[in-house]
Amino acid sequence: MNMPPTEELLHAYVDNALTDEERREVERWLAQDAEAAQRVRAYLEQNIALHSLFDPVLAEPHALNVATPRRAANASRWFALAATLILGIGIGFAWRGWQAGPSGPVTIAREAALAHVAYVPEVRHPVEVTAAEEKHLVAWLSKRLDAPLRAPSLVSHGYQLLGGRLLPPTSRRDPAPLALLMYENAQGKRLSLLVKREANNAETSFRFSEDQGARVFYWIDGPFGYALAGDIDRDELQKIARGVYQQLNP
């Protein structure tokens, strides 16, 4: 892709409406254009916020009452107003996060939660490179993160590596790309391990966060920051996160 992707193409990317080749081309561009990458993440946040707010309402049974058209019209106007408000809030939050940079509200825990809820529901394209090409996947991500990356095994916890993908940088001030590894168990439950090159290599203990319906344990170890996200029990997630840490620090 020699020219920057259009807004229409970026929205199609967020909505998973592109072909495999188009998706890969857009992701290659986003890896080089931090501003476009941040817009995409803002669109993802808006989608998540809107689905979180309105999906429960849309799922409820609705009865049509032809005798009260004014009430129905009023409800439609309120729904449109609410959608506009939440969209504005999403744009404002994304802009503040972009302005704040790596020390602001956009932390690796939030990045992991957003990536988890964005890609885990995918049936056809949850990952860019599958576990069948694990050696290539690890080498590719290591090269892009400019440090040796490992894909820990979660087999002892019942999860198999599904594959992974490269995610674009989160802001201008923090141009490091992110690696996402995804795991799945026999029941179809998925976990996401986000790995990010950290400028500050000071080690940190496990920390817990809950965002967008995903639970996250995250920590910094050596050149990387790690965040394990999933919608499983907190104690089980912590146990698996400790297993990841132990494999990376034998």
C-alpha atoms as a PDB file:
ATOM      1  CA  MET A   1       0.000   0.000   0.000  1.00  0.00           C
ATOM      2  CA  ASN A   2       1.757   3.123  -1.279  1.00  0.00           C
ATOM      3  CA  MET A   3      -0.923   5.603  -0.264  1.00  0.00           C
ATOM      4  CA  PRO A   4      -2.377   6.048   3.241  1.00  0.00           C
ATOM      5  CA  PRO A   5      -5.596   4.050   3.727  1.00  0.00           C
ATOM      6  CA  THR A   6      -8.804   6.055   3.398  1.00  0.00           C
ATOM      7  CA  GLU A   7     -11.156   6.574   6.340  1.00  0.00           C
ATOM      8  CA  GLU A   8     -13.581   4.204   4.640  1.00  0.00           C
ATOM      9  CA  LEU A   9     -10.897   1.516   4.522  1.00  0.00           C
ATOM     10  CA  LEU A  10      -9.996   2.064   8.193  1.00  0.00           C
ATOM     11  CA  HIS A  11     -13.637   1.713   9.224  1.00  0.00           C
ATOM     12  CA  ALA A  12     -13.931  -1.449   7.122  1.00  0.00           C
ATOM     13  CA  TYR A  13     -10.832  -2.775   8.894  1.00  0.00           C
ATOM     14  CA  VAL A  14     -12.376  -2.096  12.317  1.00  0.00           C
ATOM     15  CA  ASP A  15     -15.611  -3.787  11.201  1.00  0.00           C
ATOM     16  CA  ASN A  16     -13.702  -6.843   9.867  1.00  0.00           C
ATOM     17  CA  ALA A  17     -15.099  -6.208   6.379  1.00  0.00           C
ATOM     18  CA  LEU A  18     -11.829  -6.511   4.436  1.00  0.00           C
ATOM     19  CA  THR A  19     -10.303  -9.402   2.553  1.00  0.00           C
ATOM     20  CA  ASP A  20      -7.252 -11.114   4.065  1.00  0.00           C
ATOM     21  CA  GLU A  21      -4.890  -9.271   1.720  1.00  0.00           C
ATOM     22  CA  GLU A  22      -6.519  -5.868   2.352  1.00  0.00           C
ATOM     23  CA  ARG A  23      -6.367  -6.466   6.103  1.00  0.00           C
ATOM     24  CA  ARG A  24      -2.664  -7.312   5.965  1.00  0.00           C
ATOM     25  CA  GLU A  25      -1.948  -4.222   3.845  1.00  0.00           C
ATOM     26  CA  VAL A  26      -3.774  -1.956   6.300  1.00  0.00           C
ATOM     27  CA  GLU A  27      -1.948  -3.521   9.264  1.00  0.00           C
ATOM     28  CA  ARG A  28       1.397  -2.995   7.542  1.00  0.00           C
ATOM     29  CA  TRP A  29       0.544   0.663   7.096  1.00  0.00           C
ATOM     30  CA  LEU A  30      -0.698   1.058  10.686  1.00  0.00           C
ATOM     31  CA  ALA A  31       2.576  -0.366  11.976  1.00  0.00           C
ATOM     32  CA  GLN A  32       4.303   2.652  10.376  1.00  0.00           C
ATOM     33  CA  ASP A  33       1.710   5.388  10.968  1.00  0.00           C
ATOM     34  CA  ALA A  34       1.120   5.987  14.687  1.00  0.00           C
ATOM     35  CA  GLU A  35      -1.553   8.627  14.105  1.00  0.00           C
ATOM     36  CA  ALA A  36      -3.644   6.369  11.877  1.00  0.00           C
ATOM     37  CA  ALA A  37      -3.129   3.511  14.341  1.00  0.00           C
ATOM     38  CA  GLN A  38      -4.470   5.659  17.170  1.00  0.00           C
ATOM     39  CA  ARG A  39      -7.545   6.565  15.129  1.00  0.00           C
ATOM     40  CA  VAL A  40      -8.202   2.871  14.595  1.00  0.00           C
ATOM     41  CA  ARG A  41      -7.917   2.206  18.327  1.00  0.00           C
ATOM     42  CA  ALA A  42     -10.322   5.091  18.966  1.00  0.00           C
ATOM     43  CA  TYR A  43     -12.811   3.532  16.533  1.00  0.00           C
ATOM     44  CA  LEU A  44     -12.433   0.188  18.340  1.00  0.00           C
ATOM     45  CA  GLU A  45     -13.102   1.845  21.703  1.00  0.00           C
ATOM     46  CA  GLN A  46     -16.202   3.545  20.296  1.00  0.00           C
ATOM     47  CA  ASN A  47     -17.512   0.235  18.930  1.00  0.00           C
ATOM     48  CA  ILE A  48     -16.919  -1.471  22.266  1.00  0.00           C
ATOM     49  CA  ALA A  49     -18.593   1.338  24.223  1.00  0.00           C
ATOM     50  CA  LEU A  50     -21.636   1.379  21.945  1.00  0.00           C
ATOM     51  CA  HIS A  51     -22.044  -2.410  21.998  1.00  0.00           C
ATOM     52  CA  SER A  52     -21.651  -2.482  25.780  1.00  0.00           C
ATOM     53  CA  LEU A  53     -24.333   0.167  26.236  1.00  0.00           C
ATOM     54  CA  PHE A  54     -26.901  -0.821  23.648  1.00  0.00           C
ATOM     55  CA  ASP A  55     -26.569  -4.567  22.965  1.00  0.00           C
ATOM     56  CA  PRO A  56     -28.535  -5.458  26.149  1.00  0.00           C
ATOM     57  CA  VAL A  57     -31.306  -3.068  25.036  1.00  0.00           C
ATOM     58  CA  LEU A  58     -31.399  -4.433  21.492  1.00  0.00           C
ATOM     59  CA  ALA A  59     -31.544  -7.989  22.834  1.00  0.00           C
ATOM     60  CA  GLU A  60     -34.694  -7.282  24.841  1.00  0.00           C
ATOM     61  CA  PRO A  61     -38.067  -8.246  23.334  1.00  0.00           C
ATOM     62  CA  HIS A  62     -39.945  -5.214  22.010  1.00  0.00           C
ATOM     63  CA  ALA A  63     -43.661  -4.976  21.445  1.00  0.00           C
ATOM     64  CA  LEU A  64     -44.964  -2.692  18.692  1.00  0.00           C
ATOM     65  CA  ASN A  65     -47.697  -0.358  19.908  1.00  0.00           C
ATOM     66  CA  VAL A  66     -49.205   1.367  16.876  1.00  0.00           C
ATOM     67  CA  ALA A  67     -51.498   3.427  19.125  1.00  0.00           C
ATOM     68  CA  THR A  68     -48.628   5.462  20.559  1.00  0.00           C
ATOM     69  CA  PRO A  69     -46.488   6.668  17.629  1.00  0.00           C
ATOM     70  CA  ARG A  70     -45.405   9.801  19.525  1.00  0.00           C
ATOM     71  CA  ARG A  71     -43.948   7.714  22.353  1.00  0.00           C
ATOM     72  CA  ALA A  72     -42.093   5.511  19.841  1.00  0.00           C
ATOM     73  CA  ALA A  73     -40.715   8.586  18.084  1.00  0.00           C
ATOM     74  CA  ASN A  74     -39.567  10.044  21.394  1.00  0.00           C
ATOM     75  CA  ALA A  75     -37.809   6.774  22.288  1.00  0.00           C
ATOM     76  CA  SER A  76     -36.031   6.777  18.935  1.00  0.00           C
ATOM     77  CA  ARG A  77     -34.848  10.346  19.487  1.00  0.00           C
ATOM     78  CA  TRP A  78     -33.573   9.480  22.984  1.00  0.00           C
ATOM     79  CA  PHE A  79     -31.751   6.444  21.593  1.00  0.00           C
ATOM     80  CA  ALA A  80     -30.070   8.569  18.905  1.00  0.00           C
ATOM     81  CA  LEU A  81     -29.128  11.212  21.477  1.00  0.00           C
ATOM     82  CA  ALA A  82     -27.624   8.599  23.793  1.00  0.00           C
ATOM     83  CA  ALA A  83     -25.612   7.109  20.932  1.00  0.00           C
ATOM     84  CA  THR A  84     -24.283  10.566  20.025  1.00  0.00           C
ATOM     85  CA  LEU A  85     -23.293  11.258  23.625  1.00  0.00           C
ATOM     86  CA  ILE A  86     -21.450   7.984  24.135  1.00  0.00           C
ATOM     87  CA  LEU A  87     -19.685   8.423  20.786  1.00  0.00           C
ATOM     88  CA  GLY A  88     -18.480  11.855  21.895  1.00  0.00           C
ATOM     89  CA  ILE A  89     -17.296  10.451  25.209  1.00  0.00           C
ATOM     90  CA  GLY A  90     -15.395   7.685  23.382  1.00  0.00           C
ATOM     91  CA  ILE A  91     -13.687  10.199  21.075  1.00  0.00           C
ATOM     92  CA  GLY A  92     -12.802  12.438  24.014  1.00  0.00           C
ATOM     93  CA  PHE A  93     -11.328   9.586  26.032  1.00  0.00           C
ATOM     94  CA  ALA A  94      -9.290   8.307  23.091  1.00  0.00           C
ATOM     95  CA  TRP A  95      -7.943  11.818  22.440  1.00  0.00           C
ATOM     96  CA  ARG A  96      -6.960  12.311  26.089  1.00  0.00           C
ATOM     97  CA  GLY A  97      -5.230   8.931  26.084  1.00  0.00           C
ATOM     98  CA  TRP A  98      -3.322   9.819  22.934  1.00  0.00           C
ATOM     99  CA  GLN A  99      -2.290  13.189  24.338  1.00  0.00           C
ATOM    100  CA  ALA A 100      -1.230  11.700  27.663  1.00  0.00           C
ATOM    101  CA  GLY A 101       1.191   9.256  26.069  1.00  0.00           C
ATOM    102  CA  PRO A 102       2.537   6.105  27.726  1.00  0.00           C
ATOM    103  CA  SER A 103       2.304   7.549  31.251  1.00  0.00           C
ATOM    104  CA  GLY A 104      -1.356   8.430  30.824  1.00  0.00           C
ATOM    105  CA  PRO A 105      -4.542   6.346  31.117  1.00  0.00           C
ATOM    106  CA  VAL A 106      -3.706   4.074  28.176  1.00  0.00           C
ATOM    107  CA  THR A 107      -1.699   1.386  29.994  1.00  0.00           C
ATOM    108  CA  ILE A 108      -0.697  -2.071  28.874  1.00  0.00           C
ATOM    109  CA  ALA A 109      -3.583  -3.471  30.928  1.00  0.00           C
ATOM    110  CA  ARG A 110      -6.131  -1.424  29.005  1.00  0.00           C
ATOM    111  CA  GLU A 111      -4.410  -2.201  25.711  1.00  0.00           C
ATOM    112  CA  ALA A 112      -4.670  -5.903  26.536  1.00  0.00           C
ATOM    113  CA  ALA A 113      -8.349  -5.627  27.468  1.00  0.00           C
ATOM    114  CA  LEU A 114      -9.189  -3.761  24.259  1.00  0.00           C
ATOM    115  CA  ALA A 115      -7.253  -6.210  22.104  1.00  0.00           C
ATOM    116  CA  HIS A 116      -8.879  -9.156  23.874  1.00  0.00           C
ATOM    117  CA  VAL A 117     -12.460  -7.984  23.351  1.00  0.00           C
ATOM    118  CA  ALA A 118     -11.676  -6.930  19.773  1.00  0.00           C
ATOM    119  CA  TYR A 119     -10.105 -10.169  18.529  1.00  0.00           C
ATOM    120  CA  VAL A 120     -11.318 -13.005  20.775  1.00  0.00           C
ATOM    121  CA  PRO A 121     -14.844 -13.065  19.263  1.00  0.00           C
ATOM    122  CA  GLU A 122     -13.380 -13.473  15.762  1.00  0.00           C
ATOM    123  CA  VAL A 123     -14.150 -16.855  14.205  1.00  0.00           C
ATOM    124  CA  ARG A 124     -12.203 -16.611  10.931  1.00  0.00           C
ATOM    125  CA  HIS A 125      -9.447 -14.147  11.828  1.00  0.00           C
ATOM    126  CA  PRO A 126      -8.663 -14.238  15.559  1.00  0.00           C
ATOM    127  CA  VAL A 127      -4.939 -14.302  14.697  1.00  0.00           C
ATOM    128  CA  GLU A 128      -2.777 -13.228  11.766  1.00  0.00           C
ATOM    129  CA  VAL A 129      -0.288 -16.122  11.908  1.00  0.00           C
ATOM    130  CA  THR A 130      -1.469 -19.494  13.237  1.00  0.00           C
ATOM    131  CA  ALA A 131       0.297 -21.805  15.690  1.00  0.00           C
ATOM    132  CA  ALA A 132       1.167 -24.081  12.742  1.00  0.00           C
ATOM    133  CA  GLU A 133       3.829 -21.476  11.923  1.00  0.00           C
ATOM    134  CA  GLU A 134       4.913 -20.865  15.510  1.00  0.00           C
ATOM    135  CA  LYS A 135       8.621 -20.595  14.698  1.00  0.00           C
ATOM    136  CA  HIS A 136       7.952 -18.009  12.010  1.00  0.00           C
ATOM    137  CA  LEU A 137       5.476 -16.181  14.262  1.00  0.00           C
ATOM    138  CA  VAL A 138       7.960 -15.849  17.135  1.00  0.00           C
ATOM    139  CA  ALA A 139      10.803 -14.793  14.824  1.00  0.00           C
ATOM    140  CA  TRP A 140       8.627 -12.195  13.090  1.00  0.00           C
ATOM    141  CA  LEU A 141       7.297 -10.677  16.336  1.00  0.00           C
ATOM    142  CA  SER A 142      10.780 -10.700  17.881  1.00  0.00           C
ATOM    143  CA  LYS A 143      12.102  -8.760  14.914  1.00  0.00           C
ATOM    144  CA  ARG A 144       9.296  -6.199  15.063  1.00  0.00           C
ATOM    145  CA  LEU A 145       9.645  -5.749  18.846  1.00  0.00           C
ATOM    146  CA  ASP A 146      13.440  -5.667  18.492  1.00  0.00           C
ATOM    147  CA  ALA A 147      13.981  -8.179  21.303  1.00  0.00           C
ATOM    148  CA  PRO A 148      13.796 -11.992  21.590  1.00  0.00           C
ATOM    149  CA  LEU A 149      10.198 -12.994  22.220  1.00  0.00           C
ATOM    150  CA  ARG A 150       8.976 -16.363  23.497  1.00  0.00           C
ATOM    151  CA  ALA A 151       5.562 -17.939  23.193  1.00  0.00           C
ATOM    152  CA  PRO A 152       4.950 -19.645  26.543  1.00  0.00           C
ATOM    153  CA  SER A 153       3.114 -22.964  26.564  1.00  0.00           C
ATOM    154  CA  LEU A 154      -0.182 -23.095  28.465  1.00  0.00           C
ATOM    155  CA  VAL A 155      -0.826 -26.776  27.750  1.00  0.00           C
ATOM    156  CA  SER A 156      -0.550 -27.656  31.457  1.00  0.00           C
ATOM    157  CA  HIS A 157      -3.448 -25.252  32.062  1.00  0.00           C
ATOM    158  CA  GLY A 158      -5.520 -26.726  29.228  1.00  0.00           C
ATOM    159  CA  TYR A 159      -4.840 -24.030  26.614  1.00  0.00           C
ATOM    160  CA  GLN A 160      -3.220 -24.456  23.202  1.00  0.00           C
ATOM    161  CA  LEU A 161      -1.513 -21.668  21.270  1.00  0.00           C
ATOM    162  CA  LEU A 162      -3.897 -20.452  18.569  1.00  0.00           C
ATOM    163  CA  GLY A 163      -1.456 -18.010  16.970  1.00  0.00           C
ATOM    164  CA  GLY A 164      -0.683 -14.325  17.129  1.00  0.00           C
ATOM    165  CA  ARG A 165      -0.632 -10.962  15.431  1.00  0.00           C
ATOM    166  CA  LEU A 166       1.216  -7.653  15.435  1.00  0.00           C
ATOM    167  CA  LEU A 167      -0.682  -4.626  16.743  1.00  0.00           C
ATOM    168  CA  PRO A 168       0.160  -1.021  15.823  1.00  0.00           C
ATOM    169  CA  PRO A 169       1.680   1.500  18.288  1.00  0.00           C
ATOM    170  CA  THR A 170      -0.739   3.171  20.675  1.00  0.00           C
ATOM    171  CA  SER A 171       0.495   6.764  20.436  1.00  0.00           C
ATOM    172  CA  ARG A 172       3.078   9.086  18.928  1.00  0.00           C
ATOM    173  CA  ARG A 173       4.976   9.218  22.191  1.00  0.00           C
ATOM    174  CA  ASP A 174       5.017   5.455  22.486  1.00  0.00           C
ATOM    175  CA  PRO A 175       5.875   4.165  18.984  1.00  0.00           C
ATOM    176  CA  ALA A 176       6.572   0.560  20.029  1.00  0.00           C
ATOM    177  CA  PRO A 177       4.357  -2.038  18.308  1.00  0.00           C
ATOM    178  CA  LEU A 178       2.657  -4.743  20.370  1.00  0.00           C
ATOM    179  CA  ALA A 179       2.525  -8.508  19.951  1.00  0.00           C
ATOM    180  CA  LEU A 180      -0.646 -10.437  20.727  1.00  0.00           C
ATOM    181  CA  LEU A 181      -0.578 -14.192  21.356  1.00  0.00           C
ATOM    182  CA  MET A 182      -3.898 -15.998  21.653  1.00  0.00           C
ATOM    183  CA  TYR A 183      -4.637 -19.312  23.371  1.00  0.00           C
ATOM    184  CA  GLU A 184      -7.746 -21.517  23.361  1.00  0.00           C
ATOM    185  CA  ASN A 185      -8.950 -24.449  25.464  1.00  0.00           C
ATOM    186  CA  ALA A 186     -11.128 -27.427  24.507  1.00  0.00           C
ATOM    187  CA  GLN A 187     -14.273 -25.501  25.456  1.00  0.00           C
ATOM    188  CA  GLY A 188     -13.414 -22.637  23.103  1.00  0.00           C
ATOM    189  CA  LYS A 189     -12.414 -20.280  25.922  1.00  0.00           C
ATOM    190  CA  ARG A 190      -9.654 -17.904  24.864  1.00  0.00           C
ATOM    191  CA  LEU A 191      -6.860 -16.012  26.590  1.00  0.00           C
ATOM    192  CA  SER A 192      -4.794 -13.166  25.143  1.00  0.00           C
ATOM    193  CA  LEU A 193      -1.179 -12.453  26.069  1.00  0.00           C
ATOM    194  CA  LEU A 194      -0.108  -8.947  25.083  1.00  0.00           C
ATOM    195  CA  VAL A 195       3.632  -8.287  24.922  1.00  0.00           C
ATOM    196  CA  LYS A 196       5.121  -4.821  24.558  1.00  0.00           C
ATOM    197  CA  ARG A 197       8.677  -3.499  24.463  1.00  0.00           C
ATOM    198  CA  GLU A 198       9.117  -1.276  27.520  1.00  0.00           C
ATOM    199  CA  ALA A 199      11.543   1.648  27.671  1.00  0.00           C
ATOM    200  CA  ASN A 200      11.518   1.431  31.470  1.00  0.00           C
ATOM    201  CA  ASN A 201      12.914  -2.006  32.306  1.00  0.00           C
ATOM    202  CA  ALA A 202      12.250  -1.795  36.058  1.00  0.00           C
ATOM    203  CA  GLU A 203      10.559  -5.014  37.123  1.00  0.00           C
ATOM    204  CA  THR A 204       7.099  -4.835  38.644  1.00  0.00           C
ATOM    205  CA  SER A 205       5.043  -7.340  40.595  1.00  0.00           C
ATOM    206  CA  PHE A 206       1.749  -8.709  39.303  1.00  0.00           C
ATOM    207  CA  ARG A 207      -1.016  -6.168  39.109  1.00  0.00           C
ATOM    208  CA  PHE A 208      -4.684  -6.756  38.422  1.00  0.00           C
ATOM    209  CA  SER A 209      -7.102  -4.779  36.297  1.00  0.00           C
ATOM    210  CA  GLU A 210     -10.621  -5.299  34.995  1.00  0.00           C
ATOM    211  CA  ASP A 211     -11.757  -3.423  31.913  1.00  0.00           C
ATOM    212  CA  GLN A 212     -14.223  -3.923  29.043  1.00  0.00           C
ATOM    213  CA  GLY A 213     -15.410  -7.147  30.689  1.00  0.00           C
ATOM    214  CA  ALA A 214     -11.919  -8.651  30.607  1.00  0.00           C
ATOM    215  CA  ARG A 215      -9.752  -9.473  33.640  1.00  0.00           C
ATOM    216  CA  VAL A 216      -6.070  -8.695  33.225  1.00  0.00           C
ATOM    217  CA  PHE A 217      -2.895  -9.556  35.154  1.00  0.00           C
ATOM    218  CA  TYR A 218       0.085  -7.515  33.976  1.00  0.00           C
ATOM    219  CA  TRP A 219       3.734  -7.021  34.877  1.00  0.00           C
ATOM    220  CA  ILE A 220       7.099  -5.801  33.522  1.00  0.00           C
ATOM    221  CA  ASP A 221       9.998  -8.212  33.229  1.00  0.00           C
ATOM    222  CA  GLY A 222      13.243  -7.400  31.439  1.00  0.00           C
ATOM    223  CA  PRO A 223      12.695  -5.621  28.122  1.00  0.00           C
ATOM    224  CA  PHE A 224       8.999  -6.499  27.951  1.00  0.00           C
ATOM    225  CA  GLY A 225       5.730  -5.631  29.571  1.00  0.00           C
ATOM    226  CA  TYR A 226       3.230  -8.507  29.686  1.00  0.00           C
ATOM    227  CA  ALA A 227      -0.535  -8.580  30.142  1.00  0.00           C
ATOM    228  CA  LEU A 228      -2.658 -11.747  30.246  1.00  0.00           C
ATOM    229  CA  ALA A 229      -6.341 -11.064  29.572  1.00  0.00           C
ATOM    230  CA  GLY A 230      -9.385 -13.306  29.746  1.00  0.00           C
ATOM    231  CA  ASP A 231     -12.937 -13.577  31.016  1.00  0.00           C
ATOM    232  CA  ILE A 232     -12.186 -16.446  33.383  1.00  0.00           C
ATOM    233  CA  ASP A 233     -12.077 -16.612  37.183  1.00  0.00           C
ATOM    234  CA  ARG A 234      -9.543 -14.212  38.699  1.00  0.00           C
ATOM    235  CA  ASP A 235      -7.730 -16.879  40.708  1.00  0.00           C
ATOM    236  CA  GLU A 236      -7.409 -19.136  37.674  1.00  0.00           C
ATOM    237  CA  LEU A 237      -6.140 -16.245  35.548  1.00  0.00           C
ATOM    238  CA  GLN A 238      -3.565 -15.348  38.207  1.00  0.00           C
ATOM    239  CA  LYS A 239      -2.391 -18.958  38.370  1.00  0.00           C
ATOM    240  CA  ILE A 240      -1.889 -19.045  34.594  1.00  0.00           C
ATOM    241  CA  ALA A 241      -0.140 -15.652  34.640  1.00  0.00           C
ATOM    242  CA  ARG A 242       2.306 -16.952  37.253  1.00  0.00           C
ATOM    243  CA  GLY A 243       2.888 -19.996  35.063  1.00  0.00           C
ATOM    244  CA  VAL A 244       3.732 -17.675  32.159  1.00  0.00           C
ATOM    245  CA  TYR A 245       6.148 -15.729  34.351  1.00  0.00           C
ATOM    246  CA  GLN A 246       7.868 -18.906  35.564  1.00  0.00           C
ATOM    247  CA  GLN A 247       8.366 -20.161  31.995  1.00  0.00           C
ATOM    248  CA  LEU A 248       9.913 -16.857  30.979  1.00  0.00           C
ATOM    249  CA  ASN A 249      12.158 -16.922  34.066  1.00  0.00           C
ATOM    250  CA  PRO A 250      13.281 -20.574  34.454  1.00  0.00           C
END
